[in-house]
Amino acid sequence: MKEINNLEPKNIKKITIPQKDEKLAELVGIILGDGNIYVRKGKNSNNYQFRIVGDSIKDKEYLVGYVKPLIEQLFSISPRVRKHKSFNALFVIVDYKKVVEFLLSIGMHAGNKIDNQATIPTWIFENDLFLKACIRGLVDTDGSIYELKPHWPGLWQICFTNKNETLLHDFRKALLKLGIGCSNIFNYKEGKKASKVYITRKAELSKFYKEIGFSNTKHSKKLQPRRLAD
């Protein structure tokens, strides 16, 4: 890792620029899922920021207890945590130009992720450990886990939902590359719903749990090994 100085009002703060590794790959997945990168350039000032948002109740433990420390470990900075004044949303916010520029340099995109068709960077696809970490970040943010009640009690399903068709195709491609079977992409564009990819078979769910797992405890509490036993 190398350190750089970022000039802030009244302070000079050292920022660590990380090497490409599993932690960075997981953060990429988190940003692709529930994050956004903003770059606004004006005459008098520029704004560089990325933020990750989640449910202020259901995702608080994950955002504050895992995502914030992950960013601290990677960049040696302390992100801001803010709750929305009107909505049930919690934000982890980073306002460092050099951090944003670094994220852009490794294949991330600023602006609307759907318009940009933001997807998994090539360097992550080239390493299975990185790919597993990125998939974990994606499912922790844009994934849901539930029991197939009332028709199939005892059977569970992972569902990854996103409006970015390119990301969905890469997500499915990544699972198959890692040997985890999944559904085709269910496209709900006509009904204005986000498209989805499902993992349903117990063997595939068990492999996902063992080889990829979750950092978001709201997921890991649901999909436990005892529920995947034959």
Protein backbone atom coordinates (compact mmCIF):
# COMPACT_ATOMS: atom_id res chain seq x y z
CA MET A 1 0.00 0.00 0.00
CA LYS A 2 1.15 3.53 -0.61
CA GLU A 3 0.18 6.66 1.25
CA ILE A 4 -0.78 10.01 -0.23
CA ASN A 5 -1.67 13.32 1.35
CA ASN A 6 -5.12 14.81 0.79
CA LEU A 7 -5.32 18.51 1.61
CA GLU A 8 -8.40 19.23 3.72
CA PRO A 9 -9.36 22.49 5.46
CA LYS A 10 -7.02 22.98 8.44
CA ASN A 11 -5.70 19.44 8.08
CA ILE A 12 -3.46 17.28 5.94
CA LYS A 13 -4.77 13.74 6.11
CA LYS A 14 -2.89 10.68 4.95
CA ILE A 15 -4.87 8.32 2.72
CA THR A 16 -3.80 4.78 1.98
CA ILE A 17 -4.27 3.57 -1.59
CA PRO A 18 -4.76 -0.21 -1.36
CA GLN A 19 -3.54 -2.99 -3.58
CA LYS A 20 -6.09 -5.01 -5.51
CA ASP A 21 -7.23 -7.70 -3.09
CA GLU A 22 -10.34 -9.43 -1.72
CA LYS A 23 -11.31 -6.55 0.56
CA LEU A 24 -11.17 -4.06 -2.28
CA ALA A 25 -13.12 -6.45 -4.52
CA GLU A 26 -15.82 -6.74 -1.86
CA LEU A 27 -16.07 -2.96 -1.60
CA VAL A 28 -16.48 -2.80 -5.39
CA GLY A 29 -19.40 -5.23 -5.08
CA ILE A 30 -20.92 -3.15 -2.29
CA ILE A 31 -20.70 0.04 -4.36
CA LEU A 32 -22.11 -1.68 -7.45
CA GLY A 33 -25.00 -2.87 -5.29
CA ASP A 34 -26.05 -0.03 -3.00
CA GLY A 35 -23.45 2.64 -3.71
CA ASN A 36 -22.96 5.62 -5.95
CA ILE A 37 -19.94 7.65 -7.05
CA TYR A 38 -20.39 11.37 -7.64
CA VAL A 39 -18.06 13.75 -9.43
CA ARG A 40 -19.28 17.32 -9.81
CA LYS A 41 -16.96 19.96 -11.23
CA GLY A 42 -17.83 23.63 -10.95
CA LYS A 43 -16.20 26.99 -11.47
CA ASN A 44 -15.42 27.56 -7.82
CA SER A 45 -15.35 24.08 -6.34
CA ASN A 46 -15.35 20.39 -7.19
CA ASN A 47 -17.13 17.62 -5.35
CA TYR A 48 -15.82 14.06 -5.28
CA GLN A 49 -17.82 11.58 -3.22
CA PHE A 50 -18.96 8.01 -2.95
CA ARG A 51 -21.64 6.78 -0.62
CA ILE A 52 -23.34 3.53 0.29
CA VAL A 53 -26.94 3.47 1.47
CA GLY A 54 -29.06 0.92 3.29
CA ASP A 55 -32.05 0.54 5.54
CA SER A 56 -31.39 2.53 8.73
CA ILE A 57 -32.79 -0.32 10.84
CA LYS A 58 -32.20 -3.59 8.98
CA ASP A 59 -28.79 -2.66 7.56
CA LYS A 60 -27.40 -0.54 10.41
CA GLU A 61 -25.29 -3.35 11.86
CA TYR A 62 -23.84 -4.11 8.42
CA LEU A 63 -23.17 -0.50 7.41
CA VAL A 64 -21.75 0.71 10.72
CA GLY A 65 -20.21 -2.53 11.93
CA TYR A 66 -18.77 -3.82 8.66
CA VAL A 67 -18.80 -1.43 5.69
CA LYS A 68 -17.45 1.58 7.60
CA PRO A 69 -14.54 -0.41 9.13
CA LEU A 70 -13.83 -1.99 5.72
CA ILE A 71 -13.37 1.46 4.18
CA GLU A 72 -11.23 2.53 7.15
CA GLN A 73 -8.97 -0.50 6.68
CA LEU A 74 -8.60 0.06 2.94
CA PHE A 75 -8.02 3.82 2.87
CA SER A 76 -7.04 4.81 6.45
CA ILE A 77 -9.89 7.32 6.60
CA SER A 78 -13.04 7.62 8.70
CA PRO A 79 -16.22 7.79 6.59
CA ARG A 80 -19.17 9.86 7.72
CA VAL A 81 -22.36 8.06 8.74
CA ARG A 82 -25.61 9.99 8.25
CA LYS A 83 -29.27 9.08 8.63
CA HIS A 84 -31.71 10.62 6.17
CA LYS A 85 -33.91 13.22 7.82
CA SER A 86 -37.13 12.08 6.17
CA PHE A 87 -36.62 8.50 5.01
CA ASN A 88 -35.59 5.20 6.55
CA ALA A 89 -32.11 5.36 5.02
CA LEU A 90 -28.57 5.32 6.43
CA PHE A 91 -25.54 6.53 4.45
CA VAL A 92 -21.83 5.80 4.72
CA ILE A 93 -20.13 8.72 2.95
CA VAL A 94 -16.57 9.33 1.74
CA ASP A 95 -15.59 12.80 0.47
CA TYR A 96 -12.00 12.35 -0.67
CA LYS A 97 -10.99 13.22 -4.22
CA LYS A 98 -8.02 10.83 -4.28
CA VAL A 99 -10.18 7.91 -3.10
CA VAL A 100 -12.79 8.60 -5.77
CA GLU A 101 -10.11 8.98 -8.44
CA PHE A 102 -8.64 5.65 -7.35
CA LEU A 103 -12.02 3.91 -7.64
CA LEU A 104 -12.46 5.33 -11.13
CA SER A 105 -8.98 4.10 -12.05
CA ILE A 106 -9.85 0.49 -11.19
CA GLY A 107 -12.93 0.30 -13.38
CA MET A 108 -15.69 2.02 -11.41
CA HIS A 109 -17.90 4.72 -12.95
CA ALA A 110 -19.26 7.99 -11.64
CA GLY A 111 -22.90 8.91 -12.18
CA ASN A 112 -25.97 6.78 -12.84
CA LYS A 113 -25.01 3.11 -12.71
CA ILE A 114 -27.86 2.05 -14.99
CA ASP A 115 -27.11 4.66 -17.64
CA ASN A 116 -23.42 3.73 -17.47
CA GLN A 117 -24.18 -0.01 -17.30
CA ALA A 118 -21.60 -0.26 -14.52
CA THR A 119 -20.43 -3.80 -13.98
CA ILE A 120 -17.76 -6.04 -12.47
CA PRO A 121 -14.25 -4.85 -13.48
CA THR A 122 -12.07 -7.22 -15.51
CA TRP A 123 -9.37 -7.51 -12.82
CA ILE A 124 -11.92 -9.05 -10.47
CA PHE A 125 -13.04 -11.61 -13.04
CA GLU A 126 -9.44 -12.72 -13.46
CA ASN A 127 -9.15 -13.94 -9.86
CA ASP A 128 -11.71 -16.31 -8.33
CA LEU A 129 -11.01 -15.12 -4.78
CA PHE A 130 -11.65 -11.54 -5.84
CA LEU A 131 -14.77 -12.64 -7.71
CA LYS A 132 -16.19 -14.41 -4.66
CA ALA A 133 -15.61 -11.31 -2.54
CA CYS A 134 -17.29 -9.07 -5.11
CA ILE A 135 -20.30 -11.38 -5.36
CA ARG A 136 -20.55 -11.31 -1.55
CA GLY A 137 -20.70 -7.51 -1.65
CA LEU A 138 -23.38 -7.58 -4.34
CA VAL A 139 -25.61 -10.05 -2.52
CA ASP A 140 -25.11 -8.36 0.86
CA THR A 141 -26.52 -5.16 -0.64
CA ASP A 142 -28.89 -6.03 -3.50
CA GLY A 143 -29.68 -9.60 -2.54
CA SER A 144 -32.55 -11.04 -0.54
CA ILE A 145 -32.95 -14.41 1.19
CA TYR A 146 -36.28 -15.96 2.06
CA GLU A 147 -38.11 -19.20 2.68
CA LEU A 148 -40.42 -20.31 -0.11
CA LYS A 149 -43.58 -20.22 1.97
CA PRO A 150 -46.37 -21.17 1.92
CA HIS A 151 -45.91 -23.64 -0.95
CA TRP A 152 -42.44 -25.02 -0.14
CA PRO A 153 -41.67 -24.54 3.57
CA GLY A 154 -38.12 -25.50 4.43
CA LEU A 155 -36.82 -24.48 1.02
CA TRP A 156 -34.81 -21.26 0.74
CA GLN A 157 -33.80 -18.99 -2.09
CA ILE A 158 -31.24 -16.28 -2.80
CA CYS A 159 -32.51 -13.60 -5.12
CA PHE A 160 -30.28 -10.94 -6.67
CA THR A 161 -32.24 -7.98 -8.02
CA ASN A 162 -30.97 -5.13 -10.14
CA LYS A 163 -32.15 -2.79 -12.90
CA ASN A 164 -28.74 -2.89 -14.55
CA GLU A 165 -28.98 -5.64 -17.18
CA THR A 166 -25.22 -5.70 -17.81
CA LEU A 167 -24.51 -6.22 -14.12
CA LEU A 168 -27.09 -9.02 -13.94
CA HIS A 169 -25.44 -10.81 -16.86
CA ASP A 170 -22.02 -10.44 -15.22
CA PHE A 171 -23.42 -11.62 -11.87
CA ARG A 172 -24.80 -14.77 -13.48
CA LYS A 173 -21.60 -15.27 -15.47
CA ALA A 174 -19.60 -14.95 -12.24
CA LEU A 175 -21.69 -17.56 -10.41
CA LEU A 176 -21.33 -20.05 -13.26
CA LYS A 177 -17.57 -19.40 -13.43
CA LEU A 178 -17.40 -20.23 -9.72
CA GLY A 179 -19.40 -23.42 -10.27
CA ILE A 180 -22.59 -22.22 -8.58
CA GLY A 181 -25.75 -23.04 -10.51
CA CYS A 182 -28.41 -20.36 -10.82
CA SER A 183 -31.48 -19.43 -12.83
CA ASN A 184 -31.63 -17.53 -16.08
CA ILE A 185 -32.31 -13.81 -15.80
CA PHE A 186 -35.98 -13.15 -15.15
CA ASN A 187 -36.70 -9.91 -16.96
CA TYR A 188 -39.56 -7.84 -15.52
CA LYS A 189 -38.86 -4.71 -17.56
CA GLU A 190 -42.38 -4.60 -18.98
CA GLY A 191 -43.84 -4.44 -15.50
CA LYS A 192 -41.26 -1.81 -14.46
CA LYS A 193 -39.79 -4.22 -11.94
CA ALA A 194 -36.08 -4.93 -11.62
CA SER A 195 -34.81 -8.13 -13.21
CA LYS A 196 -33.66 -11.02 -11.02
CA VAL A 197 -31.37 -14.03 -10.79
CA TYR A 198 -32.21 -16.85 -8.35
CA ILE A 199 -30.22 -19.54 -6.55
CA THR A 200 -32.63 -22.20 -5.33
CA ARG A 201 -31.23 -25.73 -5.20
CA LYS A 202 -29.95 -26.75 -1.77
CA ALA A 203 -26.61 -27.94 -3.16
CA GLU A 204 -26.01 -24.57 -4.82
CA LEU A 205 -27.14 -22.63 -1.74
CA SER A 206 -24.81 -24.71 0.41
CA LYS A 207 -21.89 -24.08 -1.95
CA PHE A 208 -22.64 -20.34 -1.94
CA TYR A 209 -22.75 -20.31 1.86
CA LYS A 210 -19.45 -22.22 2.20
CA GLU A 211 -17.43 -20.58 -0.57
CA ILE A 212 -18.79 -17.03 -0.67
CA GLY A 213 -20.84 -16.44 2.46
CA PHE A 214 -22.17 -13.16 3.80
CA SER A 215 -20.81 -10.15 5.64
CA ASN A 216 -24.33 -8.85 6.23
CA THR A 217 -25.66 -10.69 9.28
CA LYS A 218 -29.29 -10.16 8.27
CA HIS A 219 -28.53 -12.70 5.51
CA SER A 220 -26.31 -15.10 7.41
CA LYS A 221 -28.90 -15.40 10.18
CA LYS A 222 -31.45 -16.62 7.64
CA LEU A 223 -29.39 -18.99 5.51
CA GLN A 224 -27.74 -21.27 8.04
CA PRO A 225 -26.13 -24.69 7.37
CA ARG A 226 -28.81 -26.53 9.36
CA ARG A 227 -31.42 -25.20 6.95
CA LEU A 228 -29.47 -26.47 3.98
CA ALA A 229 -29.01 -30.02 5.28
CA ASP A 230 -30.62 -32.76 3.24
